Each structure stands twice: as structure tokens, then as C-alpha cells.
Amino acid sequence: MGKTLQQKIAELPKRQQTRVRAKTQKLIEEELNLRQLRAALNLTQTQLAEALGIGQDEVSRTERRADMLVSTLRNYVEAMGGTLDIVARLPGHPPAHIAQFRDVLNTNTPRKAKA
């Protein structure tokens, strides 16, 4: 049986390990589609499906989707161990974190309108 990526990295000199980890982090921080993000974390569709409680086919469909619910994206990201942060970037303004989704994303119960 072959070695895992983590085993191969562990065999590298410490300096090279540091460079590999820094490059990995940089790639993760760059714009990636969901499939690339999952692959960068060395997760299979099957592993992610198990974490989400869905079938592998649904993970595949989600990764190909160009449009989805915010809650679907949040669940996908959280299943990979991350958090979802929605940021608006407007010309001449610093990035703005959109807070209205935080309450929606952290609860599965409908919110009642105030009277």
C-alpha cells in the first residue's frame, strides 16, 4: 500500500515541510470551488457525505451547482471543519461582513416577525 500525503510530507526536511504547509494554506485561502476546497483538505466525497448525513451522489451534485441556498453552503463548509463568512467587497470601502445571515445560519427554526 502506498504512503499518504501526510506521511510523504513528514519525511521531508522540516524547512521543506514548512514551505509545503505555507503553500497549502495559501491555496486554501485563494478562490477555490467546492471540489477543489474538499480535495485540498484531503477529503473524499464519501467522507464528506458521511459527515453531512447524505449520499455521495448529493455531494457530487452540490459541487457542480452554481447556485445554492446559503444553508447548503454553510453545511458543506462546516462538514469540512470550517465556518462560512459572507463578505461584500464594494469599491472604495473596506470589506463588509454581512451579519444578517449569522442568525439564519445558526438556527434551523423559522423566525417570527415582530409585531
PDB file of N, CA and C in Angstrom:
ATOM      1  N   MET A   1       0.843  -1.186   0.000  1.00  0.00           N
ATOM      2  CA  MET A   1       0.000   0.000   0.000  1.00  0.00           C
ATOM      3  C   MET A   1       0.883   1.243   0.000  1.00  0.00           C
ATOM      4  N   GLY A   2       0.492   2.243  -0.761  1.00  0.00           N
ATOM      5  CA  GLY A   2       1.267   3.470  -0.866  1.00  0.00           C
ATOM      6  C   GLY A   2       1.178   4.320   0.390  1.00  0.00           C
ATOM      7  N   LYS A   3       1.987   5.351   0.417  1.00  0.00           N
ATOM      8  CA  LYS A   3       2.012   6.268   1.552  1.00  0.00           C
ATOM      9  C   LYS A   3       0.984   7.372   1.333  1.00  0.00           C
ATOM     10  N   THR A   4       0.461   7.894   2.422  1.00  0.00           N
ATOM     11  CA  THR A   4      -0.455   9.027   2.343  1.00  0.00           C
ATOM     12  C   THR A   4       0.353  10.301   2.115  1.00  0.00           C
ATOM     13  N   LEU A   5      -0.330  11.333   1.714  1.00  0.00           N
ATOM     14  CA  LEU A   5       0.332  12.616   1.520  1.00  0.00           C
ATOM     15  C   LEU A   5       0.964  13.094   2.829  1.00  0.00           C
ATOM     16  N   GLN A   6       0.262  12.921   3.923  1.00  0.00           N
ATOM     17  CA  GLN A   6       0.791  13.353   5.222  1.00  0.00           C
ATOM     18  C   GLN A   6       2.075  12.599   5.567  1.00  0.00           C
ATOM     19  N   GLN A   7       2.135  11.307   5.240  1.00  0.00           N
ATOM     20  CA  GLN A   7       3.345  10.522   5.501  1.00  0.00           C
ATOM     21  C   GLN A   7       4.501  11.020   4.644  1.00  0.00           C
ATOM     22  N   LYS A   8       4.215  11.330   3.366  1.00  0.00           N
ATOM     23  CA  LYS A   8       5.257  11.836   2.469  1.00  0.00           C
ATOM     24  C   LYS A   8       5.782  13.181   2.968  1.00  0.00           C
ATOM     25  N   ILE A   9       4.891  14.057   3.397  1.00  0.00           N
ATOM     26  CA  ILE A   9       5.302  15.370   3.904  1.00  0.00           C
ATOM     27  C   ILE A   9       6.152  15.199   5.156  1.00  0.00           C
ATOM     28  N   ALA A  10       5.775  14.265   6.029  1.00  0.00           N
ATOM     29  CA  ALA A  10       6.520  14.035   7.274  1.00  0.00           C
ATOM     30  C   ALA A  10       7.947  13.583   7.005  1.00  0.00           C
ATOM     31  N   GLU A  11       8.200  12.984   5.856  1.00  0.00           N
ATOM     32  CA  GLU A  11       9.547  12.529   5.509  1.00  0.00           C
ATOM     33  C   GLU A  11      10.430  13.662   4.974  1.00  0.00           C
ATOM     34  N   LEU A  12       9.848  14.789   4.634  1.00  0.00           N
ATOM     35  CA  LEU A  12      10.616  15.914   4.094  1.00  0.00           C
ATOM     36  C   LEU A  12      11.390  16.613   5.210  1.00  0.00           C
ATOM     37  N   PRO A  13      12.467  17.312   4.846  1.00  0.00           N
ATOM     38  CA  PRO A  13      13.169  18.136   5.843  1.00  0.00           C
ATOM     39  C   PRO A  13      12.195  19.182   6.422  1.00  0.00           C
ATOM     40  N   LYS A  14      12.393  19.555   7.675  1.00  0.00           N
ATOM     41  CA  LYS A  14      11.491  20.482   8.368  1.00  0.00           C
ATOM     42  C   LYS A  14      11.262  21.767   7.581  1.00  0.00           C
ATOM     43  N   ARG A  15      12.316  22.295   6.992  1.00  0.00           N
ATOM     44  CA  ARG A  15      12.193  23.551   6.233  1.00  0.00           C
ATOM     45  C   ARG A  15      11.248  23.376   5.047  1.00  0.00           C
ATOM     46  N   GLN A  16      11.376  22.250   4.372  1.00  0.00           N
ATOM     47  CA  GLN A  16      10.510  21.983   3.223  1.00  0.00           C
ATOM     48  C   GLN A  16       9.067  21.714   3.684  1.00  0.00           C
ATOM     49  N   GLN A  17       8.908  21.056   4.824  1.00  0.00           N
ATOM     50  CA  GLN A  17       7.570  20.833   5.378  1.00  0.00           C
ATOM     51  C   GLN A  17       6.877  22.173   5.639  1.00  0.00           C
ATOM     52  N   THR A  18       7.629  23.108   6.192  1.00  0.00           N
ATOM     53  CA  THR A  18       7.087  24.429   6.481  1.00  0.00           C
ATOM     54  C   THR A  18       6.634  25.118   5.201  1.00  0.00           C
ATOM     55  N   ARG A  19       7.464  25.024   4.148  1.00  0.00           N
ATOM     56  CA  ARG A  19       7.110  25.640   2.856  1.00  0.00           C
ATOM     57  C   ARG A  19       5.868  24.987   2.265  1.00  0.00           C
ATOM     58  N   VAL A  20       5.774  23.664   2.358  1.00  0.00           N
ATOM     59  CA  VAL A  20       4.614  22.944   1.822  1.00  0.00           C
ATOM     60  C   VAL A  20       3.352  23.371   2.570  1.00  0.00           C
ATOM     61  N   ARG A  21       3.429  23.438   3.887  1.00  0.00           N
ATOM     62  CA  ARG A  21       2.250  23.829   4.676  1.00  0.00           C
ATOM     63  C   ARG A  21       1.847  25.275   4.392  1.00  0.00           C
ATOM     64  N   ALA A  22       2.818  26.157   4.216  1.00  0.00           N
ATOM     65  CA  ALA A  22       2.514  27.554   3.897  1.00  0.00           C
ATOM     66  C   ALA A  22       1.846  27.658   2.531  1.00  0.00           C
ATOM     67  N   LYS A  23       2.358  26.924   1.569  1.00  0.00           N
ATOM     68  CA  LYS A  23       1.765  26.926   0.225  1.00  0.00           C
ATOM     69  C   LYS A  23       0.356  26.346   0.264  1.00  0.00           C
ATOM     70  N   THR A  24       0.163  25.280   1.034  1.00  0.00           N
ATOM     71  CA  THR A  24      -1.160  24.678   1.175  1.00  0.00           C
ATOM     72  C   THR A  24      -2.138  25.692   1.745  1.00  0.00           C
ATOM     73  N   GLN A  25      -1.733  26.397   2.789  1.00  0.00           N
ATOM     74  CA  GLN A  25      -2.603  27.404   3.402  1.00  0.00           C
ATOM     75  C   GLN A  25      -2.937  28.502   2.411  1.00  0.00           C
ATOM     76  N   LYS A  26      -1.949  28.932   1.645  1.00  0.00           N
ATOM     77  CA  LYS A  26      -2.185  29.981   0.654  1.00  0.00           C
ATOM     78  C   LYS A  26      -3.201  29.515  -0.392  1.00  0.00           C
ATOM     79  N   LEU A  27      -3.074  28.281  -0.840  1.00  0.00           N
ATOM     80  CA  LEU A  27      -4.013  27.745  -1.827  1.00  0.00           C
ATOM     81  C   LEU A  27      -5.421  27.662  -1.256  1.00  0.00           C
ATOM     82  N   ILE A  28      -5.516  27.264  -0.003  1.00  0.00           N
ATOM     83  CA  ILE A  28      -6.830  27.173   0.636  1.00  0.00           C
ATOM     84  C   ILE A  28      -7.464  28.553   0.740  1.00  0.00           C
ATOM     85  N   GLU A  29      -6.653  29.570   1.002  1.00  0.00           N
ATOM     86  CA  GLU A  29      -7.176  30.926   1.148  1.00  0.00           C
ATOM     87  C   GLU A  29      -7.581  31.546  -0.184  1.00  0.00           C
ATOM     88  N   GLU A  30      -7.033  31.039  -1.280  1.00  0.00           N
ATOM     89  CA  GLU A  30      -7.382  31.571  -2.584  1.00  0.00           C
ATOM     90  C   GLU A  30      -8.758  31.072  -2.986  1.00  0.00           C
ATOM     91  N   GLU A  31      -9.258  31.651  -4.055  1.00  0.00           N
ATOM     92  CA  GLU A  31     -10.571  31.262  -4.550  1.00  0.00           C
ATOM     93  C   GLU A  31     -10.539  29.835  -5.077  1.00  0.00           C
ATOM     94  N   LEU A  32     -11.376  29.005  -4.512  1.00  0.00           N
ATOM     95  CA  LEU A  32     -11.475  27.610  -4.920  1.00  0.00           C
ATOM     96  C   LEU A  32     -12.940  27.246  -5.086  1.00  0.00           C
ATOM     97  N   ASN A  33     -13.220  26.313  -5.975  1.00  0.00           N
ATOM     98  CA  ASN A  33     -14.585  25.803  -5.990  1.00  0.00           C
ATOM     99  C   ASN A  33     -14.693  24.753  -4.886  1.00  0.00           C
ATOM    100  N   LEU A  34     -15.898  24.283  -4.631  1.00  0.00           N
ATOM    101  CA  LEU A  34     -16.096  23.366  -3.508  1.00  0.00           C
ATOM    102  C   LEU A  34     -15.313  22.068  -3.673  1.00  0.00           C
ATOM    103  N   ARG A  35     -15.239  21.543  -4.887  1.00  0.00           N
ATOM    104  CA  ARG A  35     -14.497  20.311  -5.125  1.00  0.00           C
ATOM    105  C   ARG A  35     -13.023  20.508  -4.805  1.00  0.00           C
ATOM    106  N   GLN A  36     -12.468  21.640  -5.261  1.00  0.00           N
ATOM    107  CA  GLN A  36     -11.057  21.919  -5.008  1.00  0.00           C
ATOM    108  C   GLN A  36     -10.788  22.121  -3.517  1.00  0.00           C
ATOM    109  N   LEU A  37     -11.708  22.785  -2.843  1.00  0.00           N
ATOM    110  CA  LEU A  37     -11.551  23.005  -1.407  1.00  0.00           C
ATOM    111  C   LEU A  37     -11.560  21.676  -0.661  1.00  0.00           C
ATOM    112  N   ARG A  38     -12.505  20.796  -1.008  1.00  0.00           N
ATOM    113  CA  ARG A  38     -12.564  19.474  -0.389  1.00  0.00           C
ATOM    114  C   ARG A  38     -11.282  18.690  -0.654  1.00  0.00           C
ATOM    115  N   ALA A  39     -10.816  18.733  -1.905  1.00  0.00           N
ATOM    116  CA  ALA A  39      -9.601  17.992  -2.272  1.00  0.00           C
ATOM    117  C   ALA A  39      -8.377  18.550  -1.541  1.00  0.00           C
ATOM    118  N   ALA A  40      -8.317  19.865  -1.361  1.00  0.00           N
ATOM    119  CA  ALA A  40      -7.188  20.477  -0.651  1.00  0.00           C
ATOM    120  C   ALA A  40      -7.121  20.007   0.794  1.00  0.00           C
ATOM    121  N   LEU A  41      -8.264  19.606   1.344  1.00  0.00           N
ATOM    122  CA  LEU A  41      -8.309  19.105   2.714  1.00  0.00           C
ATOM    123  C   LEU A  41      -8.172  17.583   2.773  1.00  0.00           C
ATOM    124  N   ASN A  42      -7.882  16.974   1.613  1.00  0.00           N
ATOM    125  CA  ASN A  42      -7.712  15.517   1.521  1.00  0.00           C
ATOM    126  C   ASN A  42      -8.948  14.752   1.979  1.00  0.00           C
ATOM    127  N   LEU A  43     -10.125  15.290   1.653  1.00  0.00           N
ATOM    128  CA  LEU A  43     -11.380  14.619   1.964  1.00  0.00           C
ATOM    129  C   LEU A  43     -11.974  14.036   0.692  1.00  0.00           C
ATOM    130  N   THR A  44     -12.541  12.860   0.782  1.00  0.00           N
ATOM    131  CA  THR A  44     -13.249  12.274  -0.352  1.00  0.00           C
ATOM    132  C   THR A  44     -14.711  12.705  -0.294  1.00  0.00           C
ATOM    133  N   GLN A  45     -15.400  12.557  -1.423  1.00  0.00           N
ATOM    134  CA  GLN A  45     -16.831  12.848  -1.432  1.00  0.00           C
ATOM    135  C   GLN A  45     -17.557  11.929  -0.449  1.00  0.00           C
ATOM    136  N   THR A  46     -17.114  10.706  -0.344  1.00  0.00           N
ATOM    137  CA  THR A  46     -17.746   9.744   0.567  1.00  0.00           C
ATOM    138  C   THR A  46     -17.575  10.178   2.021  1.00  0.00           C
ATOM    139  N   GLN A  47     -16.383  10.628   2.379  1.00  0.00           N
ATOM    140  CA  GLN A  47     -16.149  11.096   3.750  1.00  0.00           C
ATOM    141  C   GLN A  47     -17.026  12.307   4.063  1.00  0.00           C
ATOM    142  N   LEU A  48     -17.109  13.226   3.116  1.00  0.00           N
ATOM    143  CA  LEU A  48     -17.921  14.421   3.329  1.00  0.00           C
ATOM    144  C   LEU A  48     -19.398  14.056   3.400  1.00  0.00           C
ATOM    145  N   ALA A  49     -19.828  13.132   2.559  1.00  0.00           N
ATOM    146  CA  ALA A  49     -21.221  12.684   2.579  1.00  0.00           C
ATOM    147  C   ALA A  49     -21.578  12.098   3.946  1.00  0.00           C
ATOM    148  N   GLU A  50     -20.671  11.299   4.510  1.00  0.00           N
ATOM    149  CA  GLU A  50     -20.906  10.714   5.834  1.00  0.00           C
ATOM    150  C   GLU A  50     -21.041  11.807   6.886  1.00  0.00           C
ATOM    151  N   ALA A  51     -20.182  12.831   6.815  1.00  0.00           N
ATOM    152  CA  ALA A  51     -20.237  13.935   7.774  1.00  0.00           C
ATOM    153  C   ALA A  51     -21.540  14.720   7.644  1.00  0.00           C
ATOM    154  N   LEU A  52     -22.049  14.817   6.423  1.00  0.00           N
ATOM    155  CA  LEU A  52     -23.284  15.567   6.173  1.00  0.00           C
ATOM    156  C   LEU A  52     -24.539  14.718   6.367  1.00  0.00           C
ATOM    157  N   GLY A  53     -24.374  13.406   6.416  1.00  0.00           N
ATOM    158  CA  GLY A  53     -25.527  12.526   6.528  1.00  0.00           C
ATOM    159  C   GLY A  53     -26.319  12.418   5.235  1.00  0.00           C
ATOM    160  N   ILE A  54     -25.612  12.516   4.094  1.00  0.00           N
ATOM    161  CA  ILE A  54     -26.239  12.424   2.780  1.00  0.00           C
ATOM    162  C   ILE A  54     -25.459  11.418   1.944  1.00  0.00           C
ATOM    163  N   GLY A  55     -25.943  11.154   0.747  1.00  0.00           N
ATOM    164  CA  GLY A  55     -25.234  10.245  -0.143  1.00  0.00           C
ATOM    165  C   GLY A  55     -24.104  10.937  -0.885  1.00  0.00           C
ATOM    166  N   GLN A  56     -23.138  10.145  -1.334  1.00  0.00           N
ATOM    167  CA  GLN A  56     -22.011  10.680  -2.102  1.00  0.00           C
ATOM    168  C   GLN A  56     -22.492  11.375  -3.367  1.00  0.00           C
ATOM    169  N   ASP A  57     -23.574  10.867  -3.977  1.00  0.00           N
ATOM    170  CA  ASP A  57     -24.112  11.474  -5.195  1.00  0.00           C
ATOM    171  C   ASP A  57     -24.594  12.898  -4.954  1.00  0.00           C
ATOM    172  N   GLU A  58     -25.130  13.158  -3.771  1.00  0.00           N
ATOM    173  CA  GLU A  58     -25.592  14.510  -3.434  1.00  0.00           C
ATOM    174  C   GLU A  58     -24.404  15.461  -3.259  1.00  0.00           C
ATOM    175  N   VAL A  59     -23.300  14.974  -2.692  1.00  0.00           N
ATOM    176  CA  VAL A  59     -22.083  15.789  -2.585  1.00  0.00           C
ATOM    177  C   VAL A  59     -21.610  16.152  -3.986  1.00  0.00           C
ATOM    178  N   SER A  60     -21.599  15.189  -4.880  1.00  0.00           N
ATOM    179  CA  SER A  60     -21.181  15.434  -6.257  1.00  0.00           C
ATOM    180  C   SER A  60     -22.055  16.497  -6.917  1.00  0.00           C
ATOM    181  N   ARG A  61     -23.370  16.390  -6.725  1.00  0.00           N
ATOM    182  CA  ARG A  61     -24.290  17.388  -7.308  1.00  0.00           C
ATOM    183  C   ARG A  61     -24.041  18.771  -6.707  1.00  0.00           C
ATOM    184  N   THR A  62     -23.822  18.820  -5.403  1.00  0.00           N
ATOM    185  CA  THR A  62     -23.574  20.100  -4.729  1.00  0.00           C
ATOM    186  C   THR A  62     -22.308  20.756  -5.278  1.00  0.00           C
ATOM    187  N   GLU A  63     -21.273  19.960  -5.508  1.00  0.00           N
ATOM    188  CA  GLU A  63     -20.006  20.503  -6.004  1.00  0.00           C
ATOM    189  C   GLU A  63     -20.134  21.057  -7.427  1.00  0.00           C
ATOM    190  N   ARG A  64     -21.093  20.572  -8.184  1.00  0.00           N
ATOM    191  CA  ARG A  64     -21.277  21.053  -9.557  1.00  0.00           C
ATOM    192  C   ARG A  64     -22.253  22.226  -9.650  1.00  0.00           C
ATOM    193  N   ARG A  65     -22.978  22.477  -8.584  1.00  0.00           N
ATOM    194  CA  ARG A  65     -24.008  23.517  -8.579  1.00  0.00           C
ATOM    195  C   ARG A  65     -23.393  24.916  -8.630  1.00  0.00           C
ATOM    196  N   ALA A  66     -23.977  25.780  -9.438  1.00  0.00           N
ATOM    197  CA  ALA A  66     -23.522  27.170  -9.499  1.00  0.00           C
ATOM    198  C   ALA A  66     -24.344  28.056  -8.564  1.00  0.00           C
ATOM    199  N   ASP A  67     -25.502  27.569  -8.135  1.00  0.00           N
ATOM    200  CA  ASP A  67     -26.395  28.355  -7.292  1.00  0.00           C
ATOM    201  C   ASP A  67     -26.956  27.430  -6.221  1.00  0.00           C
ATOM    202  N   MET A  68     -26.921  27.863  -4.963  1.00  0.00           N
ATOM    203  CA  MET A  68     -27.445  27.030  -3.885  1.00  0.00           C
ATOM    204  C   MET A  68     -27.879  27.902  -2.724  1.00  0.00           C
ATOM    205  N   LEU A  69     -28.602  27.309  -1.803  1.00  0.00           N
ATOM    206  CA  LEU A  69     -29.011  28.010  -0.599  1.00  0.00           C
ATOM    207  C   LEU A  69     -27.798  28.292   0.280  1.00  0.00           C
ATOM    208  N   VAL A  70     -27.848  29.390   0.998  1.00  0.00           N
ATOM    209  CA  VAL A  70     -26.765  29.722   1.927  1.00  0.00           C
ATOM    210  C   VAL A  70     -26.617  28.610   2.963  1.00  0.00           C
ATOM    211  N   SER A  71     -27.728  28.052   3.409  1.00  0.00           N
ATOM    212  CA  SER A  71     -27.665  26.989   4.414  1.00  0.00           C
ATOM    213  C   SER A  71     -26.977  25.740   3.870  1.00  0.00           C
ATOM    214  N   THR A  72     -27.170  25.433   2.590  1.00  0.00           N
ATOM    215  CA  THR A  72     -26.494  24.286   1.975  1.00  0.00           C
ATOM    216  C   THR A  72     -24.991  24.516   1.959  1.00  0.00           C
ATOM    217  N   LEU A  73     -24.580  25.712   1.562  1.00  0.00           N
ATOM    218  CA  LEU A  73     -23.161  26.045   1.531  1.00  0.00           C
ATOM    219  C   LEU A  73     -22.572  26.016   2.931  1.00  0.00           C
ATOM    220  N   ARG A  74     -23.305  26.552   3.896  1.00  0.00           N
ATOM    221  CA  ARG A  74     -22.826  26.543   5.281  1.00  0.00           C
ATOM    222  C   ARG A  74     -22.626  25.118   5.782  1.00  0.00           C
ATOM    223  N   ASN A  75     -23.609  24.244   5.537  1.00  0.00           N
ATOM    224  CA  ASN A  75     -23.495  22.855   5.983  1.00  0.00           C
ATOM    225  C   ASN A  75     -22.285  22.175   5.356  1.00  0.00           C
ATOM    226  N   TYR A  76     -22.057  22.419   4.075  1.00  0.00           N
ATOM    227  CA  TYR A  76     -20.933  21.822   3.359  1.00  0.00           C
ATOM    228  C   TYR A  76     -19.613  22.270   3.988  1.00  0.00           C
ATOM    229  N   VAL A  77     -19.471  23.575   4.205  1.00  0.00           N
ATOM    230  CA  VAL A  77     -18.235  24.129   4.768  1.00  0.00           C
ATOM    231  C   VAL A  77     -18.023  23.631   6.197  1.00  0.00           C
ATOM    232  N   GLU A  78     -19.076  23.602   6.993  1.00  0.00           N
ATOM    233  CA  GLU A  78     -18.945  23.137   8.376  1.00  0.00           C
ATOM    234  C   GLU A  78     -18.593  21.655   8.437  1.00  0.00           C
ATOM    235  N   ALA A  79     -19.087  20.861   7.488  1.00  0.00           N
ATOM    236  CA  ALA A  79     -18.751  19.438   7.462  1.00  0.00           C
ATOM    237  C   ALA A  79     -17.265  19.223   7.191  1.00  0.00           C
ATOM    238  N   MET A  80     -16.617  20.226   6.576  1.00  0.00           N
ATOM    239  CA  MET A  80     -15.175  20.152   6.339  1.00  0.00           C
ATOM    240  C   MET A  80     -14.388  20.747   7.499  1.00  0.00           C
ATOM    241  N   GLY A  81     -15.101  21.185   8.545  1.00  0.00           N
ATOM    242  CA  GLY A  81     -14.434  21.726   9.726  1.00  0.00           C
ATOM    243  C   GLY A  81     -14.261  23.234   9.701  1.00  0.00           C
ATOM    244  N   GLY A  82     -14.901  23.902   8.752  1.00  0.00           N
ATOM    245  CA  GLY A  82     -14.749  25.350   8.622  1.00  0.00           C
ATOM    246  C   GLY A  82     -15.989  26.109   9.057  1.00  0.00           C
ATOM    247  N   THR A  83     -15.948  27.401   8.833  1.00  0.00           N
ATOM    248  CA  THR A  83     -17.099  28.268   9.079  1.00  0.00           C
ATOM    249  C   THR A  83     -17.320  29.105   7.825  1.00  0.00           C
ATOM    250  N   LEU A  84     -18.551  29.507   7.606  1.00  0.00           N
ATOM    251  CA  LEU A  84     -18.886  30.317   6.439  1.00  0.00           C
ATOM    252  C   LEU A  84     -19.016  31.767   6.860  1.00  0.00           C
ATOM    253  N   ASP A  85     -18.360  32.641   6.142  1.00  0.00           N
ATOM    254  CA  ASP A  85     -18.412  34.075   6.400  1.00  0.00           C
ATOM    255  C   ASP A  85     -18.725  34.750   5.077  1.00  0.00           C
ATOM    256  N   ILE A  86     -19.818  35.483   5.010  1.00  0.00           N
ATOM    257  CA  ILE A  86     -20.199  36.154   3.777  1.00  0.00           C
ATOM    258  C   ILE A  86     -19.710  37.594   3.844  1.00  0.00           C
ATOM    259  N   VAL A  87     -18.915  37.976   2.843  1.00  0.00           N
ATOM    260  CA  VAL A  87     -18.275  39.289   2.826  1.00  0.00           C
ATOM    261  C   VAL A  87     -18.627  40.007   1.529  1.00  0.00           C
ATOM    262  N   ALA A  88     -19.015  41.278   1.649  1.00  0.00           N
ATOM    263  CA  ALA A  88     -19.255  42.122   0.477  1.00  0.00           C
ATOM    264  C   ALA A  88     -18.041  43.023   0.291  1.00  0.00           C
ATOM    265  N   ARG A  89     -17.556  43.103  -0.934  1.00  0.00           N
ATOM    266  CA  ARG A  89     -16.437  43.982  -1.271  1.00  0.00           C
ATOM    267  C   ARG A  89     -16.938  45.033  -2.251  1.00  0.00           C
ATOM    268  N   LEU A  90     -16.998  46.253  -1.769  1.00  0.00           N
ATOM    269  CA  LEU A  90     -17.514  47.350  -2.569  1.00  0.00           C
ATOM    270  C   LEU A  90     -16.397  48.333  -2.885  1.00  0.00           C
ATOM    271  N   PRO A  91     -16.420  48.929  -4.088  1.00  0.00           N
ATOM    272  CA  PRO A  91     -15.368  49.880  -4.457  1.00  0.00           C
ATOM    273  C   PRO A  91     -15.291  51.035  -3.448  1.00  0.00           C
ATOM    274  N   GLY A  92     -14.080  51.324  -3.001  1.00  0.00           N
ATOM    275  CA  GLY A  92     -13.860  52.454  -2.103  1.00  0.00           C
ATOM    276  C   GLY A  92     -14.243  52.197  -0.658  1.00  0.00           C
ATOM    277  N   HIS A  93     -14.579  50.955  -0.320  1.00  0.00           N
ATOM    278  CA  HIS A  93     -14.972  50.630   1.049  1.00  0.00           C
ATOM    279  C   HIS A  93     -14.232  49.376   1.498  1.00  0.00           C
ATOM    280  N   PRO A  94     -13.980  49.277   2.801  1.00  0.00           N
ATOM    281  CA  PRO A  94     -13.347  48.050   3.292  1.00  0.00           C
ATOM    282  C   PRO A  94     -14.339  46.890   3.185  1.00  0.00           C
ATOM    283  N   PRO A  95     -13.846  45.668   3.181  1.00  0.00           N
ATOM    284  CA  PRO A  95     -14.757  44.511   3.132  1.00  0.00           C
ATOM    285  C   PRO A  95     -15.759  44.571   4.285  1.00  0.00           C
ATOM    286  N   ALA A  96     -17.009  44.246   3.991  1.00  0.00           N
ATOM    287  CA  ALA A  96     -18.074  44.267   4.999  1.00  0.00           C
ATOM    288  C   ALA A  96     -18.609  42.851   5.190  1.00  0.00           C
ATOM    289  N   HIS A  97     -18.552  42.376   6.420  1.00  0.00           N
ATOM    290  CA  HIS A  97     -19.101  41.062   6.736  1.00  0.00           C
ATOM    291  C   HIS A  97     -20.620  41.209   6.865  1.00  0.00           C
ATOM    292  N   ILE A  98     -21.353  40.420   6.125  1.00  0.00           N
ATOM    293  CA  ILE A  98     -22.809  40.506   6.124  1.00  0.00           C
ATOM    294  C   ILE A  98     -23.332  39.744   7.341  1.00  0.00           C
ATOM    295  N   ALA A  99     -23.840  40.486   8.319  1.00  0.00           N
ATOM    296  CA  ALA A  99     -24.225  39.896   9.598  1.00  0.00           C
ATOM    297  C   ALA A  99     -25.619  39.292   9.581  1.00  0.00           C
ATOM    298  N   GLN A 100     -26.478  39.700   8.682  1.00  0.00           N
ATOM    299  CA  GLN A 100     -27.860  39.222   8.740  1.00  0.00           C
ATOM    300  C   GLN A 100     -27.971  37.715   8.549  1.00  0.00           C
ATOM    301  N   PHE A 101     -26.992  37.083   7.933  1.00  0.00           N
ATOM    302  CA  PHE A 101     -27.039  35.647   7.727  1.00  0.00           C
ATOM    303  C   PHE A 101     -26.590  34.868   8.963  1.00  0.00           C
ATOM    304  N   ARG A 102     -25.922  35.520   9.882  1.00  0.00           N
ATOM    305  CA  ARG A 102     -25.416  34.799  11.057  1.00  0.00           C
ATOM    306  C   ARG A 102     -26.547  34.150  11.837  1.00  0.00           C
ATOM    307  N   ASP A 103     -27.621  34.903  12.108  1.00  0.00           N
ATOM    308  CA  ASP A 103     -28.749  34.338  12.844  1.00  0.00           C
ATOM    309  C   ASP A 103     -29.425  33.240  12.035  1.00  0.00           C
ATOM    310  N   VAL A 104     -29.593  33.466  10.756  1.00  0.00           N
ATOM    311  CA  VAL A 104     -30.235  32.482   9.895  1.00  0.00           C
ATOM    312  C   VAL A 104     -29.386  31.224   9.825  1.00  0.00           C
ATOM    313  N   LEU A 105     -28.092  31.383   9.739  1.00  0.00           N
ATOM    314  CA  LEU A 105     -27.204  30.238   9.596  1.00  0.00           C
ATOM    315  C   LEU A 105     -27.060  29.436  10.874  1.00  0.00           C
ATOM    316  N   ASN A 106     -27.299  30.038  12.010  1.00  0.00           N
ATOM    317  CA  ASN A 106     -27.074  29.353  13.273  1.00  0.00           C
ATOM    318  C   ASN A 106     -28.344  28.785  13.886  1.00  0.00           C
ATOM    319  N   THR A 107     -29.434  28.808  13.149  1.00  0.00           N
ATOM    320  CA  THR A 107     -30.668  28.226  13.652  1.00  0.00           C
ATOM    321  C   THR A 107     -31.426  27.591  12.515  1.00  0.00           C
ATOM    322  N   ASN A 108     -32.092  26.525  12.804  1.00  0.00           N
ATOM    323  CA  ASN A 108     -32.902  25.859  11.793  1.00  0.00           C
ATOM    324  C   ASN A 108     -34.384  26.108  12.008  1.00  0.00           C
ATOM    325  N   THR A 109     -34.720  26.973  12.982  1.00  0.00           N
ATOM    326  CA  THR A 109     -36.125  27.247  13.239  1.00  0.00           C
ATOM    327  C   THR A 109     -36.509  28.562  12.609  1.00  0.00           C
ATOM    328  N   PRO A 110     -37.742  28.645  12.071  1.00  0.00           N
ATOM    329  CA  PRO A 110     -38.177  29.893  11.457  1.00  0.00           C
ATOM    330  C   PRO A 110     -38.276  30.996  12.496  1.00  0.00           C
ATOM    331  N   ARG A 111     -37.986  32.203  12.093  1.00  0.00           N
ATOM    332  CA  ARG A 111     -38.061  33.350  12.991  1.00  0.00           C
ATOM    333  C   ARG A 111     -39.400  34.024  12.813  1.00  0.00           C
ATOM    334  N   LYS A 112     -40.021  34.400  13.902  1.00  0.00           N
ATOM    335  CA  LYS A 112     -41.325  35.072  13.850  1.00  0.00           C
ATOM    336  C   LYS A 112     -41.096  36.558  13.644  1.00  0.00           C
ATOM    337  N   ALA A 113     -41.972  37.156  12.855  1.00  0.00           N
ATOM    338  CA  ALA A 113     -41.898  38.602  12.646  1.00  0.00           C
ATOM    339  C   ALA A 113     -42.332  39.319  13.904  1.00  0.00           C
ATOM    340  N   LYS A 114     -41.682  40.448  14.181  1.00  0.00           N
ATOM    341  CA  LYS A 114     -42.044  41.238  15.346  1.00  0.00           C
ATOM    342  C   LYS A 114     -43.326  41.994  15.049  1.00  0.00           C
ATOM    343  N   ALA A 115     -44.180  42.122  16.062  1.00  0.00           N
ATOM    344  CA  ALA A 115     -45.480  42.816  15.889  1.00  0.00           C
ATOM    345  C   ALA A 115     -45.299  44.293  15.904  1.00  0.00           C
TER     346      ALA A 115
END
